[in-house]
Amino acid sequence: MIRLDVKDRKIISELDMDARLPLSKIAKKVGLSREVVHYRIKQLENNGIIEGYYAAIDVSKLGLIYCRIFLKYRQMSQEKEKELMQYCKKSSVINWVTVGDGKWNIVIVILVKNIWEIESTYDDLNSKFGKHFQNPYISIAYRILHFKHNYLYDKIDDKQLILGEPTKVKIDELDYKLMEILSKDGRMSLQDISKKLEITSNLVAYRIKNLIKGKVIIGFRAKINVKPLGYDHYKVLLTLQDFNKQNQNKLLTYLKSKKRVIYITKSMGQNDLEFEIIVKKATELHEFMRELSCKFPSILVNYETILYYVQPILKYLPKQL
């Protein structure tokens, strides 16, 4: 297990939701030289704690539906799972795959334009691998709240990014290519992007500014891997009753105040609300859920958990629009 000192934590905190922040500004904020900050960031990357940087893109602004397929394995061999992963990698609509343990073993995120594409994708997946799946559950996420990894820092920052704005925004081919680059490397310099796209740095900066203004890009984040730090990542799916606006606001306010909660998802399906939480051990999750049940006994009916192991496929933008 890797232990972070105060300076490393401050550096991660700055990059967490502002991954394009220049080294000089990070250095000033954390009280180190630019060279030392650069070295420390490289060490964090080499140790696998920071796995990359990406533009957080609100796909709903592009007219896409954020749909998840939850599946439990049934007699899934390692060879068949490898075949499944290859299938997912080649798919133009599958963008995110998480493998874990709990009620479901795998979560497949697809970005599609309509419900018929959801049906087509699920039918094709089922025709090829259906005998190795059970307990399928399809859910549409219509709002996702991003929070900082506050459990790592001394000071809680309540900044949030919201994915799920209803207004569609028109983008052109250049915007798409720009987002494609930033979704893979959110810290790439304007100069390097301009070379890749064969346009001026000023035009790159202008286009990024417009994508942010239109809330297509809602922020730039560091991808933080909690495993080397001794943490586990869980998704919790809540089944609720009497979930009116007042109770919803109370529950959301409560979850937002908890520094271990890093995402909250409002969804359509059998579960009304989901959140993702980082804990040191399973007993911490048990204690958290017990506290939640005591706090909201009249609305919390049931919950399911998934322990995330790996994310073999992670793309923040579909291959084509």
Protein backbone atom coordinates (compact mmCIF):
# COMPACT_ATOMS: atom_id res chain seq x y z
CA MET A 1 0.00 0.00 0.00
CA ILE A 2 1.31 3.42 -0.99
CA ARG A 3 1.12 6.22 1.57
CA LEU A 4 0.73 9.81 0.41
CA ASP A 5 2.23 12.75 2.24
CA VAL A 6 0.48 16.10 2.66
CA LYS A 7 2.03 17.64 -0.46
CA ASP A 8 1.01 14.72 -2.68
CA ARG A 9 -2.55 14.94 -1.38
CA LYS A 10 -2.63 18.68 -2.10
CA ILE A 11 -1.38 18.08 -5.65
CA ILE A 12 -4.02 15.41 -6.27
CA SER A 13 -6.66 17.72 -4.81
CA GLU A 14 -5.76 20.43 -7.32
CA LEU A 15 -5.80 18.01 -10.28
CA ASP A 16 -8.91 16.16 -9.14
CA MET A 17 -11.41 18.50 -10.81
CA ASP A 18 -9.08 20.91 -12.59
CA ALA A 19 -6.74 18.62 -14.50
CA ARG A 20 -5.65 21.33 -16.95
CA LEU A 21 -4.31 23.56 -14.19
CA PRO A 22 -0.74 24.64 -15.16
CA LEU A 23 2.20 23.38 -13.10
CA SER A 24 3.08 26.94 -12.08
CA LYS A 25 -0.36 27.46 -10.49
CA ILE A 26 -0.30 24.07 -8.75
CA ALA A 27 3.17 24.88 -7.39
CA LYS A 28 1.94 28.20 -5.99
CA LYS A 29 -1.10 26.57 -4.37
CA VAL A 30 0.84 23.73 -2.69
CA GLY A 31 3.97 25.70 -1.79
CA LEU A 32 6.52 23.83 -3.90
CA SER A 33 8.65 24.66 -6.92
CA ARG A 34 7.37 23.92 -10.41
CA GLU A 35 10.09 21.29 -10.89
CA VAL A 36 9.22 19.46 -7.66
CA VAL A 37 5.52 19.45 -8.54
CA HIS A 38 6.34 18.03 -11.98
CA TYR A 39 8.46 15.28 -10.39
CA ARG A 40 5.78 14.41 -7.82
CA ILE A 41 3.06 14.20 -10.48
CA LYS A 42 5.25 11.85 -12.53
CA GLN A 43 5.76 9.68 -9.44
CA LEU A 44 2.00 9.58 -8.81
CA GLU A 45 1.53 8.50 -12.43
CA ASN A 46 4.32 5.91 -12.32
CA ASN A 47 2.91 4.42 -9.12
CA GLY A 48 -0.49 4.02 -10.79
CA ILE A 49 -2.30 6.42 -8.46
CA ILE A 50 -3.09 8.88 -11.25
CA GLU A 51 -3.98 6.81 -14.31
CA GLY A 52 -4.63 9.71 -16.64
CA TYR A 53 -6.63 12.88 -17.20
CA TYR A 54 -9.86 13.34 -19.10
CA ALA A 55 -12.48 15.82 -20.14
CA ALA A 56 -15.78 15.05 -18.38
CA ILE A 57 -18.29 15.27 -21.24
CA ASP A 58 -22.03 15.63 -20.78
CA VAL A 59 -23.15 13.14 -23.42
CA SER A 60 -26.80 14.18 -22.99
CA LYS A 61 -25.80 17.51 -24.59
CA LEU A 62 -24.88 15.46 -27.67
CA GLY A 63 -28.31 13.83 -27.76
CA LEU A 64 -27.12 10.52 -26.28
CA ILE A 65 -28.74 8.27 -23.68
CA TYR A 66 -26.50 6.97 -20.88
CA CYS A 67 -27.68 3.39 -20.41
CA ARG A 68 -26.24 0.65 -18.17
CA ILE A 69 -26.63 -3.12 -18.54
CA PHE A 70 -26.06 -4.97 -15.25
CA LEU A 71 -25.36 -8.71 -15.58
CA LYS A 72 -24.49 -11.65 -13.33
CA TYR A 73 -22.13 -14.27 -14.72
CA ARG A 74 -23.22 -17.87 -15.19
CA GLN A 75 -20.52 -20.44 -15.98
CA MET A 76 -18.34 -17.69 -17.46
CA SER A 77 -14.86 -19.10 -18.19
CA GLN A 78 -11.79 -16.88 -18.42
CA GLU A 79 -11.60 -17.58 -22.17
CA LYS A 80 -15.24 -16.57 -22.66
CA GLU A 81 -14.76 -13.44 -20.57
CA LYS A 82 -11.80 -12.45 -22.77
CA GLU A 83 -14.02 -12.97 -25.81
CA LEU A 84 -16.67 -10.77 -24.19
CA MET A 85 -14.12 -7.99 -23.55
CA GLN A 86 -12.94 -8.12 -27.16
CA TYR A 87 -16.55 -7.83 -28.29
CA CYS A 88 -17.08 -4.80 -26.03
CA LYS A 89 -13.87 -3.12 -27.25
CA LYS A 90 -14.95 -3.41 -30.88
CA SER A 91 -18.46 -2.08 -30.23
CA SER A 92 -19.18 1.49 -31.36
CA VAL A 93 -21.73 2.05 -28.57
CA ILE A 94 -20.12 0.30 -25.57
CA ASN A 95 -17.99 2.88 -23.79
CA TRP A 96 -17.45 1.64 -20.28
CA VAL A 97 -17.13 -1.81 -18.74
CA THR A 98 -16.67 -2.46 -15.03
CA VAL A 99 -16.09 -5.91 -13.57
CA GLY A 100 -16.92 -6.52 -9.93
CA ASP A 101 -18.65 -8.71 -7.37
CA GLY A 102 -22.05 -8.60 -5.72
CA LYS A 103 -25.52 -8.98 -7.20
CA TRP A 104 -23.95 -8.30 -10.62
CA ASN A 105 -20.50 -9.17 -11.98
CA ILE A 106 -20.34 -6.75 -14.86
CA VAL A 107 -21.75 -3.34 -15.74
CA ILE A 108 -21.74 -2.36 -19.41
CA VAL A 109 -22.33 1.31 -20.21
CA ILE A 110 -23.67 2.12 -23.66
CA LEU A 111 -24.18 5.55 -25.22
CA VAL A 112 -27.01 5.48 -27.75
CA LYS A 113 -29.37 7.85 -29.55
CA ASN A 114 -32.67 6.11 -28.77
CA ILE A 115 -34.35 3.11 -27.08
CA TRP A 116 -34.22 1.06 -30.29
CA GLU A 117 -30.43 1.16 -30.16
CA ILE A 118 -30.64 -0.05 -26.55
CA GLU A 119 -32.80 -2.98 -27.69
CA SER A 120 -30.51 -3.76 -30.64
CA THR A 121 -27.36 -3.65 -28.49
CA TYR A 122 -28.83 -5.82 -25.75
CA ASP A 123 -30.24 -8.36 -28.23
CA ASP A 124 -26.88 -8.70 -29.99
CA LEU A 125 -25.03 -9.05 -26.67
CA ASN A 126 -27.55 -11.64 -25.51
CA SER A 127 -27.39 -13.64 -28.74
CA LYS A 128 -23.61 -14.02 -28.44
CA PHE A 129 -23.17 -14.42 -24.67
CA GLY A 130 -26.68 -14.87 -23.24
CA LYS A 131 -26.13 -18.38 -21.86
CA HIS A 132 -23.34 -16.98 -19.67
CA PHE A 133 -25.54 -14.25 -18.16
CA GLN A 134 -28.29 -14.19 -15.58
CA ASN A 135 -30.22 -11.62 -13.56
CA PRO A 136 -30.09 -8.90 -16.26
CA TYR A 137 -31.06 -5.37 -15.31
CA ILE A 138 -31.15 -2.37 -17.67
CA SER A 139 -31.20 1.17 -16.30
CA ILE A 140 -30.94 4.64 -17.80
CA ALA A 141 -28.94 7.27 -15.91
CA TYR A 142 -30.34 10.74 -16.51
CA ARG A 143 -28.29 12.74 -14.00
CA ILE A 144 -24.83 12.03 -12.56
CA LEU A 145 -23.17 14.21 -9.93
CA HIS A 146 -19.36 14.14 -9.73
CA PHE A 147 -17.60 15.00 -6.45
CA LYS A 148 -13.98 15.33 -5.44
CA HIS A 149 -12.18 12.50 -3.66
CA ASN A 150 -12.59 14.38 -0.39
CA TYR A 151 -11.65 11.36 1.76
CA LEU A 152 -8.05 11.99 0.62
CA TYR A 153 -7.91 15.62 1.70
CA ASP A 154 -7.95 17.49 5.00
CA LYS A 155 -10.49 19.98 3.75
CA ILE A 156 -13.84 19.07 2.17
CA ASP A 157 -14.51 20.83 -1.13
CA ASP A 158 -18.21 20.73 -2.06
CA LYS A 159 -17.60 21.47 -5.75
CA GLN A 160 -19.64 19.24 -8.04
CA LEU A 161 -19.93 18.57 -11.76
CA ILE A 162 -23.37 17.70 -13.13
CA LEU A 163 -23.89 15.43 -16.14
CA GLY A 164 -27.42 15.41 -17.52
CA GLU A 165 -28.46 18.80 -18.89
CA PRO A 166 -31.50 18.56 -21.19
CA THR A 167 -30.54 21.11 -23.86
CA LYS A 168 -28.85 19.58 -26.89
CA VAL A 169 -25.83 21.40 -28.37
CA LYS A 170 -24.70 21.19 -31.98
CA ILE A 171 -21.06 20.31 -32.53
CA ASP A 172 -19.06 19.92 -35.72
CA GLU A 173 -16.33 17.49 -36.73
CA LEU A 174 -13.57 19.69 -35.30
CA ASP A 175 -15.32 19.87 -31.92
CA TYR A 176 -15.65 16.08 -31.90
CA LYS A 177 -11.97 15.54 -32.75
CA LEU A 178 -10.99 18.01 -30.04
CA MET A 179 -13.16 16.26 -27.43
CA GLU A 180 -11.78 12.90 -28.55
CA ILE A 181 -8.25 14.10 -27.79
CA LEU A 182 -9.20 15.68 -24.45
CA SER A 183 -11.18 12.61 -23.36
CA LYS A 184 -7.94 10.61 -23.64
CA ASP A 185 -5.52 13.23 -22.35
CA GLY A 186 -7.14 16.14 -20.55
CA ARG A 187 -3.76 17.78 -19.81
CA MET A 188 -2.48 17.83 -23.38
CA SER A 189 -1.11 21.29 -24.16
CA LEU A 190 -2.77 23.65 -26.62
CA GLN A 191 0.35 23.47 -28.79
CA ASP A 192 0.29 19.66 -28.99
CA ILE A 193 -3.43 19.63 -29.73
CA SER A 194 -2.97 22.25 -32.46
CA LYS A 195 -0.32 20.05 -34.12
CA LYS A 196 -2.60 17.01 -34.04
CA LEU A 197 -5.54 18.92 -35.50
CA GLU A 198 -3.42 21.14 -37.76
CA ILE A 199 -5.02 24.33 -36.52
CA THR A 200 -3.75 27.27 -34.46
CA SER A 201 -3.43 27.18 -30.67
CA ASN A 202 -5.76 30.17 -30.47
CA LEU A 203 -8.46 28.27 -32.33
CA VAL A 204 -8.00 25.28 -29.99
CA ALA A 205 -8.37 27.55 -26.95
CA TYR A 206 -11.46 29.22 -28.48
CA ARG A 207 -13.13 25.88 -29.24
CA ILE A 208 -12.43 24.51 -25.74
CA LYS A 209 -13.84 27.71 -24.23
CA ASN A 210 -17.05 27.34 -26.28
CA LEU A 211 -17.46 23.65 -25.35
CA ILE A 212 -17.14 24.61 -21.68
CA LYS A 213 -19.53 27.56 -22.11
CA GLY A 214 -22.09 25.25 -23.74
CA LYS A 215 -21.57 22.79 -20.85
CA VAL A 216 -20.63 20.00 -23.25
CA ILE A 217 -17.34 19.73 -21.37
CA ILE A 218 -18.29 20.08 -17.70
CA GLY A 219 -14.75 19.81 -16.34
CA PHE A 220 -11.34 18.17 -16.54
CA ARG A 221 -10.62 15.39 -14.07
CA ALA A 222 -7.73 13.23 -12.94
CA LYS A 223 -8.49 9.51 -13.00
CA ILE A 224 -7.52 8.43 -9.48
CA ASN A 225 -6.87 4.74 -8.82
CA VAL A 226 -7.72 3.99 -5.18
CA LYS A 227 -6.39 0.41 -5.13
CA PRO A 228 -2.70 1.28 -4.48
CA LEU A 229 -3.88 3.44 -1.55
CA GLY A 230 -5.65 0.53 0.11
CA TYR A 231 -9.22 1.56 -0.71
CA ASP A 232 -12.15 -0.28 -2.27
CA HIS A 233 -14.69 1.24 -4.66
CA TYR A 234 -18.36 0.25 -4.27
CA LYS A 235 -21.52 1.14 -6.15
CA VAL A 236 -24.68 1.14 -4.02
CA LEU A 237 -28.12 0.96 -5.66
CA LEU A 238 -31.01 2.13 -3.50
CA THR A 239 -34.65 1.04 -3.69
CA LEU A 240 -36.80 3.77 -2.15
CA GLN A 241 -40.42 4.52 -1.33
CA ASP A 242 -42.26 7.80 -0.84
CA PHE A 243 -39.41 9.41 -2.74
CA ASN A 244 -41.03 12.82 -3.16
CA LYS A 245 -39.12 16.02 -3.85
CA GLN A 246 -38.68 16.84 -0.17
CA ASN A 247 -37.31 13.40 0.75
CA GLN A 248 -35.17 13.40 -2.37
CA ASN A 249 -33.54 16.70 -1.41
CA LYS A 250 -32.89 15.48 2.15
CA LEU A 251 -31.25 12.27 0.94
CA LEU A 252 -29.16 14.06 -1.69
CA THR A 253 -28.00 16.67 0.84
CA TYR A 254 -27.01 13.91 3.24
CA LEU A 255 -25.04 11.94 0.63
CA LYS A 256 -23.32 15.08 -0.66
CA SER A 257 -22.06 15.83 2.85
CA LYS A 258 -20.22 12.49 3.08
CA LYS A 259 -16.60 12.79 1.98
CA ARG A 260 -16.38 9.16 0.84
CA VAL A 261 -19.19 9.56 -1.73
CA ILE A 262 -17.71 10.38 -5.14
CA TYR A 263 -20.72 9.98 -7.47
CA ILE A 264 -24.49 10.15 -7.15
CA THR A 265 -26.67 8.89 -10.00
CA LYS A 266 -30.38 9.48 -10.55
CA SER A 267 -31.71 6.68 -12.70
CA MET A 268 -34.75 5.09 -14.31
CA GLY A 269 -35.27 1.45 -13.41
CA GLN A 270 -36.01 -0.65 -10.35
CA ASN A 271 -33.53 1.44 -8.34
CA ASP A 272 -34.30 5.10 -7.74
CA LEU A 273 -30.87 6.38 -6.75
CA GLU A 274 -27.29 5.16 -6.83
CA PHE A 275 -24.07 6.36 -5.30
CA GLU A 276 -20.43 5.33 -5.40
CA ILE A 277 -18.38 5.25 -2.25
CA ILE A 278 -14.72 4.69 -1.35
CA VAL A 279 -13.97 2.72 1.82
CA LYS A 280 -10.98 1.02 3.44
CA LYS A 281 -12.86 -2.19 4.20
CA ALA A 282 -16.31 -3.76 3.90
CA THR A 283 -17.16 -3.01 7.53
CA GLU A 284 -16.98 0.73 6.77
CA LEU A 285 -19.56 0.27 4.04
CA HIS A 286 -21.75 -1.74 6.43
CA GLU A 287 -21.53 1.04 9.04
CA PHE A 288 -22.31 3.68 6.41
CA MET A 289 -25.41 1.81 5.22
CA ARG A 290 -26.58 1.19 8.77
CA GLU A 291 -26.33 4.92 9.47
CA LEU A 292 -28.17 5.67 6.23
CA SER A 293 -30.94 3.21 7.13
CA CYS A 294 -31.35 4.80 10.56
CA LYS A 295 -31.38 8.28 9.07
CA PHE A 296 -34.00 7.47 6.40
CA PRO A 297 -36.02 4.50 7.73
CA SER A 298 -39.26 5.60 6.09
CA ILE A 299 -37.93 5.78 2.53
CA LEU A 300 -35.08 3.24 2.25
CA VAL A 301 -36.61 -0.12 1.32
CA ASN A 302 -33.57 -2.07 0.15
CA TYR A 303 -30.13 -1.73 -1.39
CA GLU A 304 -27.68 -3.73 -3.52
CA THR A 305 -23.91 -3.31 -3.70
CA ILE A 306 -21.22 -4.00 -6.29
CA LEU A 307 -17.53 -4.09 -5.40
CA TYR A 308 -15.65 -2.75 -8.42
CA TYR A 309 -12.47 -4.66 -9.28
CA VAL A 310 -11.31 -3.40 -12.65
CA GLN A 311 -12.44 -1.23 -15.53
CA PRO A 312 -11.05 -3.02 -18.59
CA ILE A 313 -12.78 -0.62 -20.98
CA LEU A 314 -13.12 3.09 -20.36
CA LYS A 315 -13.95 5.59 -23.12
CA TYR A 316 -15.50 8.95 -22.33
CA LEU A 317 -16.74 9.60 -25.85
CA PRO A 318 -18.38 7.25 -28.38
CA LYS A 319 -16.39 6.26 -31.45
CA GLN A 320 -18.84 8.15 -33.62
CA LEU A 321 -21.90 10.37 -33.25
